[in-house]
Amino acid sequence: MRHLLYIILLVFLISCTNRDKLIDKSELLGNDYRLFQQTPVWNLAKAVQDENLKEIKRIIVNEKVDINYSEPKYGNTLLILTVENQHYRSCKTLLELGADPNKHNNYNGSSAMIESAGIENYNEDNTRFLKLLLAYGGNVNDEEIGKRQEGNSTRRTPLLLACSDVNQFVSPINKVKILVEAGANVNYKNEYNAFPLKEALMHDHYDVVLYLLQKGADYSLMLFDRAQFSNDGKKIYTVDLLREKIFPLDSKKYQQKMEVVAFLKQKDIDYRKIPIPDFVIEKAKKMYPNSWQEYLDKY
């Protein structure tokens, strides 16, 4: 037991030594605490990374450092890094001591509030940072600020980010519900024609799609215009994209999709009147070679 404790202590000391070694920050990603090397808050950054709550409080109270200090490369605050690294106890302590959940960085204009909506956990609650930030004044309709960098065609909000989870194992529905119930605008649309309903549809989150529709999301909005890419392209709306989505009949995705179809039917939008795309027919033949026609009657 004593030998094990010695090894743990040795690893910790080596880690701390390496952390203090000066590094070329041009190589660092935005969630690296070493971005705060040679800044007035470096000691605070180390305490935050270690989740040493007592030391965090001591430094902020006694040394009067700027709790909202932004590191020079990305402009991230320590609060943003606690969210990106999922250091919950440090995040809560910083908020208790006055950290601003809505301060934006100067890289993509994001904030701790926005980043909290993008957390995707397979085994843990993916809402706890979001609820924490909201409890301490996070702006539910915050949006990325500033001019977009070359190649960046996003201007995210917490709701947009939640709806675009790529995780297909854990639904973002709980995050979405928290945001909408807190006042998030379900029909927000940015200059790139991104809006919550579209993001949920594009990422196959049909439980989210149904919830947004029930909360007043505008199903008449055009998702995108394929005429921009081909001569025979057309404008695509919610019902058109649904017609392109093909899932096994016994799958959860299929059941959720058909609940959306039923909702639209109540609004006089008939999914069955939309022609079946050729690529869907071909895919159905591969999935159900002996019963593809029957499948298409149901899908």
Foldseek 3Di string as FASTA:
>chain_A
DVVVVVVVVVVVVVVVVVLLPDDDCVPDDPLDLSLCHPHPCNVLSVCLVVLVLVVNVCCCVPVVDDQQQARDPFRAGSLLNCLVVVVPSSNLSSLVVPHQQQQFTPHFQDGSQQSLLQQDDQPDDSCPSNVSNVVSPRDLQRWRDDDGDPPDPDIDGSLLNLLQHLDPRDHSQVSNVVSVVVPYDQADADPSRRGNLLNNLVNLRLVNNVVSVVVPHDQPDFNDWCVVPDVPTGTHTDLNSLLQDDDDPPDPSNVSSVVVQVVVVVVVDHSVVDDRDPVQLVVLCVVCVPCSVVRNVPD
